[in-house]
Amino acid sequence: MCMFCAAIPAAAAIGANLNAKQKATQRAAEEAGTEPPPAKPVAKLTLAALIAPAIGSVVYHTVISPIWGLTFF
């Protein structure tokens, strides 16, 4: 698996974990009756972190890999 293809599920897992932690922190603050910390745009940042390696993967597998003659499939 190329580095771009491996980065996609890793970024998704990290983003999901950060989103879950943020929601748990907000829920705990609401239950305690305190002001929750300001929300960060975790979902949008995760989406950006997924789009970048996806584009890199498409470019690598359609342009770069055929030039080098690297076919592992």
N, C-alpha and C. Protein backbone atom coordinates (compact mmCIF):
# COMPACT_ATOMS: atom_id res chain seq x y z
N MET A 1 0.85 -1.16 0.00
CA MET A 1 0.00 0.00 0.00
C MET A 1 0.90 1.23 0.00
N CYS A 2 0.56 2.18 -0.84
CA CYS A 2 1.40 3.38 -0.93
C CYS A 2 1.12 4.30 0.25
N MET A 3 2.01 5.27 0.43
CA MET A 3 1.89 6.16 1.60
C MET A 3 0.61 6.98 1.55
N PHE A 4 0.14 7.33 0.35
CA PHE A 4 -1.10 8.11 0.26
C PHE A 4 -2.30 7.24 0.64
N CYS A 5 -2.32 6.02 0.15
CA CYS A 5 -3.44 5.13 0.45
C CYS A 5 -3.47 4.75 1.93
N ALA A 6 -2.33 4.66 2.56
CA ALA A 6 -2.27 4.34 3.99
C ALA A 6 -2.66 5.54 4.84
N ALA A 7 -2.44 6.74 4.35
CA ALA A 7 -2.75 7.94 5.12
C ALA A 7 -4.24 8.21 5.22
N ILE A 8 -5.02 7.73 4.26
CA ILE A 8 -6.46 8.01 4.26
C ILE A 8 -7.15 7.38 5.47
N PRO A 9 -7.04 6.06 5.70
CA PRO A 9 -7.72 5.52 6.89
C PRO A 9 -7.11 6.00 8.20
N ALA A 10 -5.81 6.30 8.20
CA ALA A 10 -5.19 6.81 9.43
C ALA A 10 -5.75 8.18 9.78
N ALA A 11 -5.89 9.05 8.79
CA ALA A 11 -6.45 10.38 9.04
C ALA A 11 -7.91 10.28 9.46
N ALA A 12 -8.65 9.36 8.87
CA ALA A 12 -10.06 9.19 9.26
C ALA A 12 -10.17 8.71 10.71
N ALA A 13 -9.32 7.80 11.11
CA ALA A 13 -9.37 7.28 12.48
C ALA A 13 -8.99 8.36 13.49
N ILE A 14 -7.97 9.14 13.18
CA ILE A 14 -7.56 10.22 14.09
C ILE A 14 -8.65 11.28 14.19
N GLY A 15 -9.24 11.64 13.06
CA GLY A 15 -10.31 12.63 13.07
C GLY A 15 -11.53 12.16 13.84
N ALA A 16 -11.90 10.90 13.67
CA ALA A 16 -13.04 10.36 14.41
C ALA A 16 -12.76 10.35 15.91
N ASN A 17 -11.54 10.01 16.28
CA ASN A 17 -11.17 9.99 17.70
C ASN A 17 -11.21 11.40 18.29
N LEU A 18 -10.67 12.37 17.58
CA LEU A 18 -10.69 13.75 18.08
C LEU A 18 -12.12 14.28 18.19
N ASN A 19 -12.96 13.94 17.22
CA ASN A 19 -14.35 14.38 17.25
C ASN A 19 -15.08 13.76 18.44
N ALA A 20 -14.85 12.48 18.69
CA ALA A 20 -15.50 11.81 19.82
C ALA A 20 -15.04 12.40 21.15
N LYS A 21 -13.75 12.70 21.27
CA LYS A 21 -13.24 13.30 22.51
C LYS A 21 -13.84 14.69 22.74
N GLN A 22 -13.97 15.46 21.67
CA GLN A 22 -14.53 16.80 21.80
C GLN A 22 -15.99 16.72 22.24
N LYS A 23 -16.75 15.82 21.64
CA LYS A 23 -18.16 15.69 22.02
C LYS A 23 -18.30 15.18 23.46
N ALA A 24 -17.42 14.28 23.88
CA ALA A 24 -17.48 13.78 25.25
C ALA A 24 -17.15 14.89 26.24
N THR A 25 -16.18 15.72 25.92
CA THR A 25 -15.82 16.85 26.78
C THR A 25 -16.98 17.83 26.89
N GLN A 26 -17.64 18.12 25.76
CA GLN A 26 -18.77 19.04 25.78
C GLN A 26 -19.93 18.44 26.58
N ARG A 27 -20.18 17.16 26.42
CA ARG A 27 -21.26 16.50 27.14
C ARG A 27 -20.99 16.50 28.65
N ALA A 28 -19.74 16.22 29.03
CA ALA A 28 -19.38 16.21 30.45
C ALA A 28 -19.51 17.60 31.06
N ALA A 29 -19.16 18.63 30.31
CA ALA A 29 -19.27 20.00 30.81
C ALA A 29 -20.74 20.38 30.98
N GLU A 30 -21.59 19.98 30.05
CA GLU A 30 -23.02 20.28 30.16
C GLU A 30 -23.64 19.56 31.35
N GLU A 31 -23.23 18.31 31.59
CA GLU A 31 -23.76 17.55 32.71
C GLU A 31 -23.30 18.15 34.04
N ALA A 32 -22.09 18.69 34.07
CA ALA A 32 -21.56 19.30 35.28
C ALA A 32 -22.12 20.70 35.50
N GLY A 33 -22.78 21.25 34.48
CA GLY A 33 -23.36 22.58 34.60
C GLY A 33 -22.37 23.69 34.37
N THR A 34 -21.25 23.39 33.76
CA THR A 34 -20.25 24.42 33.45
C THR A 34 -20.29 24.75 31.96
N GLU A 35 -19.64 25.81 31.63
CA GLU A 35 -19.58 26.23 30.24
C GLU A 35 -18.63 25.30 29.47
N PRO A 36 -19.12 24.68 28.38
CA PRO A 36 -18.22 23.81 27.61
C PRO A 36 -17.18 24.63 26.87
N PRO A 37 -16.03 24.04 26.60
CA PRO A 37 -15.01 24.77 25.84
C PRO A 37 -15.53 25.05 24.42
N PRO A 38 -14.99 26.06 23.77
CA PRO A 38 -15.47 26.37 22.42
C PRO A 38 -15.17 25.21 21.47
N ALA A 39 -16.14 24.97 20.59
CA ALA A 39 -16.01 23.86 19.65
C ALA A 39 -14.98 24.20 18.57
N LYS A 40 -14.19 23.21 18.22
CA LYS A 40 -13.21 23.35 17.14
C LYS A 40 -13.76 22.65 15.90
N PRO A 41 -13.40 23.10 14.71
CA PRO A 41 -13.94 22.49 13.49
C PRO A 41 -13.23 21.17 13.13
N VAL A 42 -13.39 20.18 13.99
CA VAL A 42 -12.69 18.91 13.80
C VAL A 42 -13.15 18.21 12.53
N ALA A 43 -14.44 18.21 12.27
CA ALA A 43 -14.96 17.50 11.09
C ALA A 43 -14.45 18.13 9.80
N LYS A 44 -14.40 19.44 9.74
CA LYS A 44 -13.91 20.11 8.54
C LYS A 44 -12.42 19.86 8.34
N LEU A 45 -11.67 19.88 9.43
CA LEU A 45 -10.24 19.62 9.33
C LEU A 45 -9.97 18.16 8.93
N THR A 46 -10.80 17.26 9.43
CA THR A 46 -10.66 15.86 9.05
C THR A 46 -10.94 15.68 7.57
N LEU A 47 -11.98 16.35 7.09
CA LEU A 47 -12.30 16.26 5.66
C LEU A 47 -11.14 16.78 4.81
N ALA A 48 -10.54 17.88 5.22
CA ALA A 48 -9.38 18.41 4.49
C ALA A 48 -8.21 17.44 4.55
N ALA A 49 -8.05 16.79 5.70
CA ALA A 49 -6.96 15.82 5.84
C ALA A 49 -7.23 14.56 5.04
N LEU A 50 -8.47 14.30 4.67
CA LEU A 50 -8.79 13.15 3.83
C LEU A 50 -8.69 13.47 2.34
N ILE A 51 -9.03 14.69 1.99
CA ILE A 51 -9.01 15.07 0.57
C ILE A 51 -7.59 15.15 0.04
N ALA A 52 -6.67 15.70 0.81
CA ALA A 52 -5.29 15.87 0.35
C ALA A 52 -4.63 14.54 -0.02
N PRO A 53 -4.63 13.51 0.84
CA PRO A 53 -4.02 12.25 0.41
C PRO A 53 -4.82 11.53 -0.67
N ALA A 54 -6.12 11.77 -0.74
CA ALA A 54 -6.90 11.16 -1.82
C ALA A 54 -6.46 11.71 -3.17
N ILE A 55 -6.26 13.01 -3.24
CA ILE A 55 -5.78 13.62 -4.49
C ILE A 55 -4.37 13.13 -4.78
N GLY A 56 -3.53 13.07 -3.76
CA GLY A 56 -2.17 12.56 -3.95
C GLY A 56 -2.17 11.12 -4.43
N SER A 57 -3.08 10.31 -3.93
CA SER A 57 -3.18 8.92 -4.35
C SER A 57 -3.59 8.80 -5.82
N VAL A 58 -4.56 9.61 -6.21
CA VAL A 58 -5.00 9.57 -7.61
C VAL A 58 -3.86 9.99 -8.53
N VAL A 59 -3.17 11.05 -8.17
CA VAL A 59 -2.05 11.52 -9.00
C VAL A 59 -0.94 10.47 -9.05
N TYR A 60 -0.63 9.88 -7.91
CA TYR A 60 0.43 8.88 -7.87
C TYR A 60 0.08 7.66 -8.72
N HIS A 61 -1.12 7.16 -8.56
CA HIS A 61 -1.48 5.92 -9.24
C HIS A 61 -1.80 6.10 -10.72
N THR A 62 -2.11 7.31 -11.15
CA THR A 62 -2.42 7.52 -12.56
C THR A 62 -1.28 8.16 -13.35
N VAL A 63 -0.42 8.93 -12.69
CA VAL A 63 0.62 9.65 -13.42
C VAL A 63 2.01 9.14 -13.07
N ILE A 64 2.35 9.11 -11.81
CA ILE A 64 3.72 8.84 -11.39
C ILE A 64 4.07 7.36 -11.50
N SER A 65 3.24 6.50 -10.97
CA SER A 65 3.53 5.08 -10.96
C SER A 65 3.71 4.49 -12.36
N PRO A 66 2.85 4.82 -13.35
CA PRO A 66 3.07 4.30 -14.70
C PRO A 66 4.38 4.76 -15.34
N ILE A 67 4.83 5.97 -15.00
CA ILE A 67 6.08 6.47 -15.57
C ILE A 67 7.26 5.64 -15.08
N TRP A 68 7.25 5.27 -13.80
CA TRP A 68 8.34 4.49 -13.23
C TRP A 68 8.21 3.00 -13.56
N GLY A 69 7.08 2.61 -14.07
CA GLY A 69 6.85 1.20 -14.35
C GLY A 69 6.61 0.38 -13.10
N LEU A 70 6.17 1.01 -12.04
CA LEU A 70 5.91 0.31 -10.79
C LEU A 70 4.46 -0.16 -10.77
N THR A 71 4.27 -1.41 -10.99
CA THR A 71 2.93 -1.97 -10.91
C THR A 71 2.96 -3.12 -9.92
N PHE A 72 2.31 -2.93 -8.81
CA PHE A 72 2.30 -3.94 -7.76
C PHE A 72 0.98 -4.70 -7.72
N PHE A 73 0.12 -4.44 -8.66
CA PHE A 73 -1.20 -5.09 -8.64
C PHE A 73 -1.25 -6.26 -9.57
